[in-house]
Amino acid sequence: MKNLFRIVGIAAFVGVAILIFRALRQYREDSVFDLAPAAAGGGQKRSISPELLSILADPADKGPIELLTDGAGKEWLVNRRNGYRYPVEDGIPIMLLEEGEKNKDEGLIQK
């Protein structure tokens, strides 16, 4: 009987260890797309993480986009096929068709 309790205790310990390992692994996978950390007290703006940028697509033509910064330091997600620019505010892309049309820049279109 003593051995049975010992085996059940070891099995419970292993089960809890597996649950903790899985929870940590899931947390790390979910954290991949988090925003870049803002500087503590520095007032530095956040930017889009490279992992998130690699999967974002223009809602108009579903093609890839690129991140550009204008002279004033404002970040934009740009589609060079149609000239749409989508603003990025505090690391959050505003990817609405209305925003892209409103901020369209013919000078960005590559032919």
PDB file of N, CA and C in Angstrom:
ATOM      1  N   MET A   1       0.824  -1.185   0.000  1.00  0.00           N
ATOM      2  CA  MET A   1       0.000   0.000   0.000  1.00  0.00           C
ATOM      3  C   MET A   1       0.873   1.255   0.000  1.00  0.00           C
ATOM      4  N   LYS A   2       1.966   1.194   0.740  1.00  0.00           N
ATOM      5  CA  LYS A   2       2.876   2.322   0.786  1.00  0.00           C
ATOM      6  C   LYS A   2       3.461   2.613  -0.591  1.00  0.00           C
ATOM      7  N   ASN A   3       3.800   1.550  -1.308  1.00  0.00           N
ATOM      8  CA  ASN A   3       4.364   1.714  -2.652  1.00  0.00           C
ATOM      9  C   ASN A   3       3.343   2.313  -3.613  1.00  0.00           C
ATOM     10  N   LEU A   4       2.085   1.966  -3.461  1.00  0.00           N
ATOM     11  CA  LEU A   4       1.031   2.499  -4.305  1.00  0.00           C
ATOM     12  C   LEU A   4       0.906   4.004  -4.110  1.00  0.00           C
ATOM     13  N   PHE A   5       0.913   4.465  -2.859  1.00  0.00           N
ATOM     14  CA  PHE A   5       0.852   5.907  -2.584  1.00  0.00           C
ATOM     15  C   PHE A   5       2.076   6.633  -3.145  1.00  0.00           C
ATOM     16  N   ARG A   6       3.224   5.994  -3.043  1.00  0.00           N
ATOM     17  CA  ARG A   6       4.455   6.579  -3.564  1.00  0.00           C
ATOM     18  C   ARG A   6       4.372   6.746  -5.085  1.00  0.00           C
ATOM     19  N   ILE A   7       3.864   5.737  -5.783  1.00  0.00           N
ATOM     20  CA  ILE A   7       3.733   5.792  -7.245  1.00  0.00           C
ATOM     21  C   ILE A   7       2.715   6.855  -7.649  1.00  0.00           C
ATOM     22  N   VAL A   8       1.594   6.931  -6.940  1.00  0.00           N
ATOM     23  CA  VAL A   8       0.579   7.942  -7.235  1.00  0.00           C
ATOM     24  C   VAL A   8       1.148   9.346  -6.986  1.00  0.00           C
ATOM     25  N   GLY A   9       1.913   9.526  -5.951  1.00  0.00           N
ATOM     26  CA  GLY A   9       2.531  10.819  -5.657  1.00  0.00           C
ATOM     27  C   GLY A   9       3.518  11.234  -6.731  1.00  0.00           C
ATOM     28  N   ILE A  10       4.329  10.286  -7.180  1.00  0.00           N
ATOM     29  CA  ILE A  10       5.296  10.586  -8.243  1.00  0.00           C
ATOM     30  C   ILE A  10       4.566  10.920  -9.538  1.00  0.00           C
ATOM     31  N   ALA A  11       3.515  10.192  -9.854  1.00  0.00           N
ATOM     32  CA  ALA A  11       2.739  10.448 -11.067  1.00  0.00           C
ATOM     33  C   ALA A  11       2.088  11.833 -10.997  1.00  0.00           C
ATOM     34  N   ALA A  12       1.584  12.205  -9.845  1.00  0.00           N
ATOM     35  CA  ALA A  12       0.970  13.533  -9.694  1.00  0.00           C
ATOM     36  C   ALA A  12       2.027  14.621  -9.863  1.00  0.00           C
ATOM     37  N   PHE A  13       3.198  14.433  -9.304  1.00  0.00           N
ATOM     38  CA  PHE A  13       4.280  15.405  -9.440  1.00  0.00           C
ATOM     39  C   PHE A  13       4.687  15.574 -10.904  1.00  0.00           C
ATOM     40  N   VAL A  14       4.836  14.473 -11.621  1.00  0.00           N
ATOM     41  CA  VAL A  14       5.198  14.514 -13.038  1.00  0.00           C
ATOM     42  C   VAL A  14       4.093  15.213 -13.838  1.00  0.00           C
ATOM     43  N   GLY A  15       2.828  14.929 -13.516  1.00  0.00           N
ATOM     44  CA  GLY A  15       1.712  15.573 -14.212  1.00  0.00           C
ATOM     45  C   GLY A  15       1.710  17.083 -14.026  1.00  0.00           C
ATOM     46  N   VAL A  16       1.952  17.541 -12.814  1.00  0.00           N
ATOM     47  CA  VAL A  16       2.008  18.976 -12.538  1.00  0.00           C
ATOM     48  C   VAL A  16       3.192  19.611 -13.266  1.00  0.00           C
ATOM     49  N   ALA A  17       4.318  18.923 -13.287  1.00  0.00           N
ATOM     50  CA  ALA A  17       5.497  19.447 -13.987  1.00  0.00           C
ATOM     51  C   ALA A  17       5.215  19.580 -15.481  1.00  0.00           C
ATOM     52  N   ILE A  18       4.530  18.620 -16.077  1.00  0.00           N
ATOM     53  CA  ILE A  18       4.183  18.687 -17.499  1.00  0.00           C
ATOM     54  C   ILE A  18       3.239  19.846 -17.759  1.00  0.00           C
ATOM     55  N   LEU A  19       2.247  20.063 -16.895  1.00  0.00           N
ATOM     56  CA  LEU A  19       1.319  21.184 -17.057  1.00  0.00           C
ATOM     57  C   LEU A  19       2.042  22.525 -16.995  1.00  0.00           C
ATOM     58  N   ILE A  20       2.972  22.673 -16.067  1.00  0.00           N
ATOM     59  CA  ILE A  20       3.731  23.914 -15.952  1.00  0.00           C
ATOM     60  C   ILE A  20       4.589  24.128 -17.198  1.00  0.00           C
ATOM     61  N   PHE A  21       5.233  23.076 -17.687  1.00  0.00           N
ATOM     62  CA  PHE A  21       6.057  23.178 -18.890  1.00  0.00           C
ATOM     63  C   PHE A  21       5.222  23.609 -20.091  1.00  0.00           C
ATOM     64  N   ARG A  22       4.052  23.002 -20.269  1.00  0.00           N
ATOM     65  CA  ARG A  22       3.174  23.366 -21.391  1.00  0.00           C
ATOM     66  C   ARG A  22       2.685  24.803 -21.273  1.00  0.00           C
ATOM     67  N   ALA A  23       2.344  25.235 -20.077  1.00  0.00           N
ATOM     68  CA  ALA A  23       1.869  26.610 -19.888  1.00  0.00           C
ATOM     69  C   ALA A  23       2.971  27.617 -20.225  1.00  0.00           C
ATOM     70  N   LEU A  24       4.199  27.360 -19.816  1.00  0.00           N
ATOM     71  CA  LEU A  24       5.318  28.246 -20.137  1.00  0.00           C
ATOM     72  C   LEU A  24       5.599  28.276 -21.631  1.00  0.00           C
ATOM     73  N   ARG A  25       5.551  27.121 -22.268  1.00  0.00           N
ATOM     74  CA  ARG A  25       5.787  27.063 -23.710  1.00  0.00           C
ATOM     75  C   ARG A  25       4.701  27.837 -24.466  1.00  0.00           C
ATOM     76  N   GLN A  26       3.444  27.696 -24.056  1.00  0.00           N
ATOM     77  CA  GLN A  26       2.352  28.426 -24.709  1.00  0.00           C
ATOM     78  C   GLN A  26       2.503  29.927 -24.487  1.00  0.00           C
ATOM     79  N   TYR A  27       2.918  30.345 -23.302  1.00  0.00           N
ATOM     80  CA  TYR A  27       3.131  31.762 -23.016  1.00  0.00           C
ATOM     81  C   TYR A  27       4.205  32.334 -23.930  1.00  0.00           C
ATOM     82  N   ARG A  28       5.299  31.594 -24.127  1.00  0.00           N
ATOM     83  CA  ARG A  28       6.369  32.064 -25.008  1.00  0.00           C
ATOM     84  C   ARG A  28       5.892  32.167 -26.449  1.00  0.00           C
ATOM     85  N   GLU A  29       5.114  31.199 -26.911  1.00  0.00           N
ATOM     86  CA  GLU A  29       4.596  31.245 -28.279  1.00  0.00           C
ATOM     87  C   GLU A  29       3.650  32.420 -28.458  1.00  0.00           C
ATOM     88  N   ASP A  30       2.827  32.706 -27.464  1.00  0.00           N
ATOM     89  CA  ASP A  30       1.884  33.812 -27.550  1.00  0.00           C
ATOM     90  C   ASP A  30       2.583  35.164 -27.472  1.00  0.00           C
ATOM     91  N   SER A  31       3.757  35.208 -26.848  1.00  0.00           N
ATOM     92  CA  SER A  31       4.474  36.465 -26.673  1.00  0.00           C
ATOM     93  C   SER A  31       5.284  36.872 -27.890  1.00  0.00           C
ATOM     94  N   VAL A  32       5.373  36.026 -28.898  1.00  0.00           N
ATOM     95  CA  VAL A  32       6.194  36.331 -30.068  1.00  0.00           C
ATOM     96  C   VAL A  32       5.698  37.576 -30.771  1.00  0.00           C
ATOM     97  N   PHE A  33       4.373  37.796 -30.813  1.00  0.00           N
ATOM     98  CA  PHE A  33       3.814  38.913 -31.550  1.00  0.00           C
ATOM     99  C   PHE A  33       3.530  40.121 -30.685  1.00  0.00           C
ATOM    100  N   ASP A  34       4.063  40.174 -29.490  1.00  0.00           N
ATOM    101  CA  ASP A  34       3.878  41.348 -28.645  1.00  0.00           C
ATOM    102  C   ASP A  34       4.608  42.537 -29.241  1.00  0.00           C
ATOM    103  N   LEU A  35       4.184  43.714 -28.842  1.00  0.00           N
ATOM    104  CA  LEU A  35       4.838  44.929 -29.303  1.00  0.00           C
ATOM    105  C   LEU A  35       6.221  45.052 -28.678  1.00  0.00           C
ATOM    106  N   ALA A  36       7.087  45.749 -29.353  1.00  0.00           N
ATOM    107  CA  ALA A  36       8.404  46.018 -28.786  1.00  0.00           C
ATOM    108  C   ALA A  36       8.225  46.836 -27.515  1.00  0.00           C
ATOM    109  N   PRO A  37       8.993  46.556 -26.473  1.00  0.00           N
ATOM    110  CA  PRO A  37       8.793  47.272 -25.214  1.00  0.00           C
ATOM    111  C   PRO A  37       9.138  48.752 -25.341  1.00  0.00           C
ATOM    112  N   ALA A  38       8.324  49.565 -24.707  1.00  0.00           N
ATOM    113  CA  ALA A  38       8.595  51.002 -24.665  1.00  0.00           C
ATOM    114  C   ALA A  38       9.694  51.252 -23.642  1.00  0.00           C
ATOM    115  N   ALA A  39      10.513  52.228 -23.909  1.00  0.00           N
ATOM    116  CA  ALA A  39      11.596  52.558 -22.981  1.00  0.00           C
ATOM    117  C   ALA A  39      10.990  53.089 -21.685  1.00  0.00           C
ATOM    118  N   ALA A  40      11.534  52.660 -20.579  1.00  0.00           N
ATOM    119  CA  ALA A  40      11.005  53.065 -19.275  1.00  0.00           C
ATOM    120  C   ALA A  40      11.285  54.535 -19.030  1.00  0.00           C
ATOM    121  N   GLY A  41      10.232  55.334 -19.048  1.00  0.00           N
ATOM    122  CA  GLY A  41      10.367  56.745 -18.747  1.00  0.00           C
ATOM    123  C   GLY A  41      10.987  57.571 -19.849  1.00  0.00           C
ATOM    124  N   GLY A  42      11.470  56.931 -20.911  1.00  0.00           N
ATOM    125  CA  GLY A  42      12.128  57.666 -21.983  1.00  0.00           C
ATOM    126  C   GLY A  42      11.164  58.299 -22.962  1.00  0.00           C
ATOM    127  N   GLY A  43       9.926  57.863 -22.953  1.00  0.00           N
ATOM    128  CA  GLY A  43       8.949  58.416 -23.867  1.00  0.00           C
ATOM    129  C   GLY A  43       9.141  57.954 -25.302  1.00  0.00           C
ATOM    130  N   GLN A  44       9.948  56.928 -25.506  1.00  0.00           N
ATOM    131  CA  GLN A  44      10.179  56.423 -26.847  1.00  0.00           C
ATOM    132  C   GLN A  44       8.947  55.677 -27.354  1.00  0.00           C
ATOM    133  N   LYS A  45       8.614  55.879 -28.636  1.00  0.00           N
ATOM    134  CA  LYS A  45       7.446  55.234 -29.205  1.00  0.00           C
ATOM    135  C   LYS A  45       7.714  53.758 -29.440  1.00  0.00           C
ATOM    136  N   ARG A  46       6.646  52.961 -29.387  1.00  0.00           N
ATOM    137  CA  ARG A  46       6.765  51.544 -29.696  1.00  0.00           C
ATOM    138  C   ARG A  46       6.749  51.353 -31.199  1.00  0.00           C
ATOM    139  N   SER A  47       7.296  50.243 -31.632  1.00  0.00           N
ATOM    140  CA  SER A  47       7.316  49.923 -33.048  1.00  0.00           C
ATOM    141  C   SER A  47       6.725  48.532 -33.242  1.00  0.00           C
ATOM    142  N   ILE A  48       6.411  48.207 -34.472  1.00  0.00           N
ATOM    143  CA  ILE A  48       5.855  46.888 -34.787  1.00  0.00           C
ATOM    144  C   ILE A  48       6.978  45.862 -34.757  1.00  0.00           C
ATOM    145  N   SER A  49       6.712  44.698 -34.172  1.00  0.00           N
ATOM    146  CA  SER A  49       7.721  43.649 -34.132  1.00  0.00           C
ATOM    147  C   SER A  49       7.925  43.080 -35.538  1.00  0.00           C
ATOM    148  N   PRO A  50       9.134  42.628 -35.853  1.00  0.00           N
ATOM    149  CA  PRO A  50       9.400  42.067 -37.186  1.00  0.00           C
ATOM    150  C   PRO A  50       8.529  40.847 -37.491  1.00  0.00           C
ATOM    151  N   GLU A  51       8.208  40.055 -36.476  1.00  0.00           N
ATOM    152  CA  GLU A  51       7.369  38.876 -36.692  1.00  0.00           C
ATOM    153  C   GLU A  51       5.970  39.286 -37.140  1.00  0.00           C
ATOM    154  N   LEU A  52       5.409  40.315 -36.503  1.00  0.00           N
ATOM    155  CA  LEU A  52       4.087  40.789 -36.880  1.00  0.00           C
ATOM    156  C   LEU A  52       4.129  41.419 -38.267  1.00  0.00           C
ATOM    157  N   LEU A  53       5.160  42.185 -38.555  1.00  0.00           N
ATOM    158  CA  LEU A  53       5.282  42.833 -39.854  1.00  0.00           C
ATOM    159  C   LEU A  53       5.352  41.810 -40.983  1.00  0.00           C
ATOM    160  N   SER A  54       5.956  40.667 -40.721  1.00  0.00           N
ATOM    161  CA  SER A  54       6.104  39.647 -41.773  1.00  0.00           C
ATOM    162  C   SER A  54       4.774  39.000 -42.148  1.00  0.00           C
ATOM    163  N   ILE A  55       3.770  39.046 -41.272  1.00  0.00           N
ATOM    164  CA  ILE A  55       2.493  38.404 -41.604  1.00  0.00           C
ATOM    165  C   ILE A  55       1.396  39.400 -41.974  1.00  0.00           C
ATOM    166  N   LEU A  56       1.657  40.694 -41.801  1.00  0.00           N
ATOM    167  CA  LEU A  56       0.651  41.690 -42.162  1.00  0.00           C
ATOM    168  C   LEU A  56       0.543  41.806 -43.680  1.00  0.00           C
ATOM    169  N   ALA A  57      -0.687  42.060 -44.151  1.00  0.00           N
ATOM    170  CA  ALA A  57      -0.927  42.230 -45.582  1.00  0.00           C
ATOM    171  C   ALA A  57      -1.878  43.403 -45.786  1.00  0.00           C
ATOM    172  N   ASP A  58      -1.746  44.054 -46.926  1.00  0.00           N
ATOM    173  CA  ASP A  58      -2.626  45.164 -47.276  1.00  0.00           C
ATOM    174  C   ASP A  58      -4.048  44.629 -47.448  1.00  0.00           C
ATOM    175  N   PRO A  59      -5.022  45.229 -46.780  1.00  0.00           N
ATOM    176  CA  PRO A  59      -6.393  44.735 -46.919  1.00  0.00           C
ATOM    177  C   PRO A  59      -6.979  44.968 -48.311  1.00  0.00           C
ATOM    178  N   ALA A  60      -6.389  45.868 -49.105  1.00  0.00           N
ATOM    179  CA  ALA A  60      -6.923  46.148 -50.437  1.00  0.00           C
ATOM    180  C   ALA A  60      -6.563  45.040 -51.429  1.00  0.00           C
ATOM    181  N   ASP A  61      -5.284  44.635 -51.472  1.00  0.00           N
ATOM    182  CA  ASP A  61      -4.881  43.630 -52.461  1.00  0.00           C
ATOM    183  C   ASP A  61      -4.225  42.399 -51.844  1.00  0.00           C
ATOM    184  N   LYS A  62      -4.219  42.314 -50.541  1.00  0.00           N
ATOM    185  CA  LYS A  62      -3.691  41.157 -49.798  1.00  0.00           C
ATOM    186  C   LYS A  62      -2.207  40.893 -50.054  1.00  0.00           C
ATOM    187  N   GLY A  63      -1.488  41.911 -50.505  1.00  0.00           N
ATOM    188  CA  GLY A  63      -0.065  41.776 -50.769  1.00  0.00           C
ATOM    189  C   GLY A  63       0.766  42.251 -49.593  1.00  0.00           C
ATOM    190  N   PRO A  64       2.080  42.029 -49.658  1.00  0.00           N
ATOM    191  CA  PRO A  64       2.961  42.442 -48.560  1.00  0.00           C
ATOM    192  C   PRO A  64       3.065  43.966 -48.460  1.00  0.00           C
ATOM    193  N   ILE A  65       3.433  44.419 -47.282  1.00  0.00           N
ATOM    194  CA  ILE A  65       3.606  45.840 -47.011  1.00  0.00           C
ATOM    195  C   ILE A  65       4.964  46.039 -46.360  1.00  0.00           C
ATOM    196  N   GLU A  66       5.392  47.285 -46.298  1.00  0.00           N
ATOM    197  CA  GLU A  66       6.660  47.576 -45.634  1.00  0.00           C
ATOM    198  C   GLU A  66       6.477  48.744 -44.669  1.00  0.00           C
ATOM    199  N   LEU A  67       7.349  48.800 -43.691  1.00  0.00           N
ATOM    200  CA  LEU A  67       7.305  49.834 -42.666  1.00  0.00           C
ATOM    201  C   LEU A  67       8.246  50.957 -43.055  1.00  0.00           C
ATOM    202  N   LEU A  68       7.726  52.181 -43.123  1.00  0.00           N
ATOM    203  CA  LEU A  68       8.531  53.363 -43.434  1.00  0.00           C
ATOM    204  C   LEU A  68       8.306  54.417 -42.361  1.00  0.00           C
ATOM    205  N   THR A  69       9.317  55.256 -42.160  1.00  0.00           N
ATOM    206  CA  THR A  69       9.212  56.377 -41.226  1.00  0.00           C
ATOM    207  C   THR A  69       9.413  57.662 -42.017  1.00  0.00           C
ATOM    208  N   ASP A  70       8.483  58.608 -41.844  1.00  0.00           N
ATOM    209  CA  ASP A  70       8.618  59.866 -42.576  1.00  0.00           C
ATOM    210  C   ASP A  70       9.553  60.808 -41.832  1.00  0.00           C
ATOM    211  N   GLY A  71       9.748  61.999 -42.369  1.00  0.00           N
ATOM    212  CA  GLY A  71      10.676  62.966 -41.789  1.00  0.00           C
ATOM    213  C   GLY A  71      10.291  63.409 -40.387  1.00  0.00           C
ATOM    214  N   ALA A  72       8.997  63.365 -40.074  1.00  0.00           N
ATOM    215  CA  ALA A  72       8.535  63.788 -38.751  1.00  0.00           C
ATOM    216  C   ALA A  72       8.619  62.666 -37.717  1.00  0.00           C
ATOM    217  N   GLY A  73       9.086  61.486 -38.137  1.00  0.00           N
ATOM    218  CA  GLY A  73       9.207  60.372 -37.206  1.00  0.00           C
ATOM    219  C   GLY A  73       7.951  59.530 -37.100  1.00  0.00           C
ATOM    220  N   LYS A  74       6.939  59.793 -37.910  1.00  0.00           N
ATOM    221  CA  LYS A  74       5.708  59.011 -37.897  1.00  0.00           C
ATOM    222  C   LYS A  74       5.913  57.759 -38.739  1.00  0.00           C
ATOM    223  N   GLU A  75       5.441  56.610 -38.227  1.00  0.00           N
ATOM    224  CA  GLU A  75       5.587  55.349 -38.939  1.00  0.00           C
ATOM    225  C   GLU A  75       4.357  55.076 -39.794  1.00  0.00           C
ATOM    226  N   TRP A  76       4.596  54.479 -40.968  1.00  0.00           N
ATOM    227  CA  TRP A  76       3.536  54.131 -41.898  1.00  0.00           C
ATOM    228  C   TRP A  76       3.788  52.725 -42.433  1.00  0.00           C
ATOM    229  N   LEU A  77       2.722  51.977 -42.652  1.00  0.00           N
ATOM    230  CA  LEU A  77       2.800  50.737 -43.398  1.00  0.00           C
ATOM    231  C   LEU A  77       2.414  51.086 -44.832  1.00  0.00           C
ATOM    232  N   VAL A  78       3.299  50.791 -45.769  1.00  0.00           N
ATOM    233  CA  VAL A  78       3.139  51.261 -47.143  1.00  0.00           C
ATOM    234  C   VAL A  78       2.987  50.085 -48.098  1.00  0.00           C
ATOM    235  N   ASN A  79       2.022  50.226 -49.015  1.00  0.00           N
ATOM    236  CA  ASN A  79       1.858  49.294 -50.122  1.00  0.00           C
ATOM    237  C   ASN A  79       2.327  50.030 -51.372  1.00  0.00           C
ATOM    238  N   ARG A  80       3.450  49.610 -51.944  1.00  0.00           N
ATOM    239  CA  ARG A  80       4.017  50.310 -53.094  1.00  0.00           C
ATOM    240  C   ARG A  80       3.316  49.951 -54.408  1.00  0.00           C
ATOM    241  N   ARG A  81       2.381  49.016 -54.368  1.00  0.00           N
ATOM    242  CA  ARG A  81       1.653  48.680 -55.589  1.00  0.00           C
ATOM    243  C   ARG A  81       0.505  49.643 -55.852  1.00  0.00           C
ATOM    244  N   ASN A  82      -0.100  50.186 -54.789  1.00  0.00           N
ATOM    245  CA  ASN A  82      -1.225  51.105 -54.991  1.00  0.00           C
ATOM    246  C   ASN A  82      -1.040  52.452 -54.276  1.00  0.00           C
ATOM    247  N   GLY A  83       0.045  52.639 -53.540  1.00  0.00           N
ATOM    248  CA  GLY A  83       0.336  53.913 -52.887  1.00  0.00           C
ATOM    249  C   GLY A  83      -0.385  54.133 -51.572  1.00  0.00           C
ATOM    250  N   TYR A  84      -1.089  53.123 -51.070  1.00  0.00           N
ATOM    251  CA  TYR A  84      -1.804  53.281 -49.800  1.00  0.00           C
ATOM    252  C   TYR A  84      -0.803  53.306 -48.645  1.00  0.00           C
ATOM    253  N   ARG A  85      -1.054  54.213 -47.702  1.00  0.00           N
ATOM    254  CA  ARG A  85      -0.260  54.296 -46.470  1.00  0.00           C
ATOM    255  C   ARG A  85      -1.205  54.115 -45.301  1.00  0.00           C
ATOM    256  N   TYR A  86      -0.831  53.255 -44.387  1.00  0.00           N
ATOM    257  CA  TYR A  86      -1.626  53.014 -43.186  1.00  0.00           C
ATOM    258  C   TYR A  86      -0.828  53.505 -41.980  1.00  0.00           C
ATOM    259  N   PRO A  87      -1.411  54.337 -41.136  1.00  0.00           N
ATOM    260  CA  PRO A  87      -0.664  54.868 -39.986  1.00  0.00           C
ATOM    261  C   PRO A  87      -0.420  53.799 -38.918  1.00  0.00           C
ATOM    262  N   VAL A  88       0.676  53.989 -38.196  1.00  0.00           N
ATOM    263  CA  VAL A  88       1.002  53.146 -37.042  1.00  0.00           C
ATOM    264  C   VAL A  88       1.037  54.068 -35.839  1.00  0.00           C
ATOM    265  N   GLU A  89       0.151  53.822 -34.887  1.00  0.00           N
ATOM    266  CA  GLU A  89       0.064  54.670 -33.699  1.00  0.00           C
ATOM    267  C   GLU A  89       0.453  53.865 -32.469  1.00  0.00           C
ATOM    268  N   ASP A  90       1.559  54.232 -31.856  1.00  0.00           N
ATOM    269  CA  ASP A  90       2.089  53.557 -30.663  1.00  0.00           C
ATOM    270  C   ASP A  90       2.274  52.058 -30.905  1.00  0.00           C
ATOM    271  N   GLY A  91       2.769  51.708 -32.084  1.00  0.00           N
ATOM    272  CA  GLY A  91       3.033  50.312 -32.408  1.00  0.00           C
ATOM    273  C   GLY A  91       1.826  49.538 -32.880  1.00  0.00           C
ATOM    274  N   ILE A  92       0.685  50.189 -33.029  1.00  0.00           N
ATOM    275  CA  ILE A  92      -0.539  49.516 -33.455  1.00  0.00           C
ATOM    276  C   ILE A  92      -0.878  49.973 -34.869  1.00  0.00           C
ATOM    277  N   PRO A  93      -0.866  49.042 -35.840  1.00  0.00           N
ATOM    278  CA  PRO A  93      -1.190  49.435 -37.210  1.00  0.00           C
ATOM    279  C   PRO A  93      -2.688  49.664 -37.373  1.00  0.00           C
ATOM    280  N   ILE A  94      -3.058  50.763 -38.025  1.00  0.00           N
ATOM    281  CA  ILE A  94      -4.459  51.067 -38.314  1.00  0.00           C
ATOM    282  C   ILE A  94      -4.686  50.678 -39.778  1.00  0.00           C
ATOM    283  N   MET A  95      -5.029  49.429 -40.012  1.00  0.00           N
ATOM    284  CA  MET A  95      -5.109  48.892 -41.366  1.00  0.00           C
ATOM    285  C   MET A  95      -6.556  48.817 -41.847  1.00  0.00           C
ATOM    286  N   LEU A  96      -7.163  49.974 -41.972  1.00  0.00           N
ATOM    287  CA  LEU A  96      -8.513  50.085 -42.510  1.00  0.00           C
ATOM    288  C   LEU A  96      -8.412  50.646 -43.924  1.00  0.00           C
ATOM    289  N   LEU A  97      -9.238  50.138 -44.843  1.00  0.00           N
ATOM    290  CA  LEU A  97      -9.192  50.632 -46.226  1.00  0.00           C
ATOM    291  C   LEU A  97      -9.405  52.136 -46.291  1.00  0.00           C
ATOM    292  N   GLU A  98     -10.282  52.652 -45.432  1.00  0.00           N
ATOM    293  CA  GLU A  98     -10.549  54.094 -45.423  1.00  0.00           C
ATOM    294  C   GLU A  98      -9.290  54.884 -45.099  1.00  0.00           C
ATOM    295  N   GLU A  99      -8.482  54.383 -44.161  1.00  0.00           N
ATOM    296  CA  GLU A  99      -7.238  55.058 -43.792  1.00  0.00           C
ATOM    297  C   GLU A  99      -6.237  55.008 -44.944  1.00  0.00           C
ATOM    298  N   GLY A 100      -6.146  53.873 -45.627  1.00  0.00           N
ATOM    299  CA  GLY A 100      -5.229  53.752 -46.755  1.00  0.00           C
ATOM    300  C   GLY A 100      -5.609  54.679 -47.893  1.00  0.00           C
ATOM    301  N   GLU A 101      -6.895  54.754 -48.191  1.00  0.00           N
ATOM    302  CA  GLU A 101      -7.359  55.643 -49.262  1.00  0.00           C
ATOM    303  C   GLU A 101      -7.148  57.108 -48.880  1.00  0.00           C
ATOM    304  N   LYS A 102      -7.394  57.417 -47.612  1.00  0.00           N
ATOM    305  CA  LYS A 102      -7.261  58.800 -47.139  1.00  0.00           C
ATOM    306  C   LYS A 102      -5.809  59.268 -47.214  1.00  0.00           C
ATOM    307  N   ASN A 103      -4.865  58.371 -46.960  1.00  0.00           N
ATOM    308  CA  ASN A 103      -3.445  58.728 -46.929  1.00  0.00           C
ATOM    309  C   ASN A 103      -2.700  58.277 -48.179  1.00  0.00           C
ATOM    310  N   LYS A 104      -3.414  58.054 -49.278  1.00  0.00           N
ATOM    311  CA  LYS A 104      -2.780  57.578 -50.509  1.00  0.00           C
ATOM    312  C   LYS A 104      -1.745  58.586 -51.005  1.00  0.00           C
ATOM    313  N   ASP A 105      -0.600  58.061 -51.439  1.00  0.00           N
ATOM    314  CA  ASP A 105       0.490  58.872 -51.956  1.00  0.00           C
ATOM    315  C   ASP A 105       0.922  58.310 -53.298  1.00  0.00           C
ATOM    316  N   GLU A 106       0.630  59.007 -54.380  1.00  0.00           N
ATOM    317  CA  GLU A 106       0.961  58.542 -55.733  1.00  0.00           C
ATOM    318  C   GLU A 106       2.467  58.406 -55.920  1.00  0.00           C
ATOM    319  N   GLY A 107       3.256  59.172 -55.158  1.00  0.00           N
ATOM    320  CA  GLY A 107       4.708  59.126 -55.286  1.00  0.00           C
ATOM    321  C   GLY A 107       5.322  57.830 -54.775  1.00  0.00           C
ATOM    322  N   LEU A 108       4.566  57.042 -54.023  1.00  0.00           N
ATOM    323  CA  LEU A 108       5.098  55.779 -53.483  1.00  0.00           C
ATOM    324  C   LEU A 108       4.926  54.610 -54.447  1.00  0.00           C
ATOM    325  N   ILE A 109       4.109  54.770 -55.483  1.00  0.00           N
ATOM    326  CA  ILE A 109       3.806  53.646 -56.379  1.00  0.00           C
ATOM    327  C   ILE A 109       5.018  53.321 -57.236  1.00  0.00           C
ATOM    328  N   GLN A 110       5.414  52.047 -57.193  1.00  0.00           N
ATOM    329  CA  GLN A 110       6.522  51.551 -58.014  1.00  0.00           C
ATOM    330  C   GLN A 110       5.935  50.874 -59.237  1.00  0.00           C
ATOM    331  N   LYS A 111       6.509  51.151 -60.376  1.00  0.00           N
ATOM    332  CA  LYS A 111       5.969  50.555 -61.607  1.00  0.00           C
ATOM    333  C   LYS A 111       6.896  49.531 -62.169  1.00  0.00           C
TER     334      LYS A 111
END
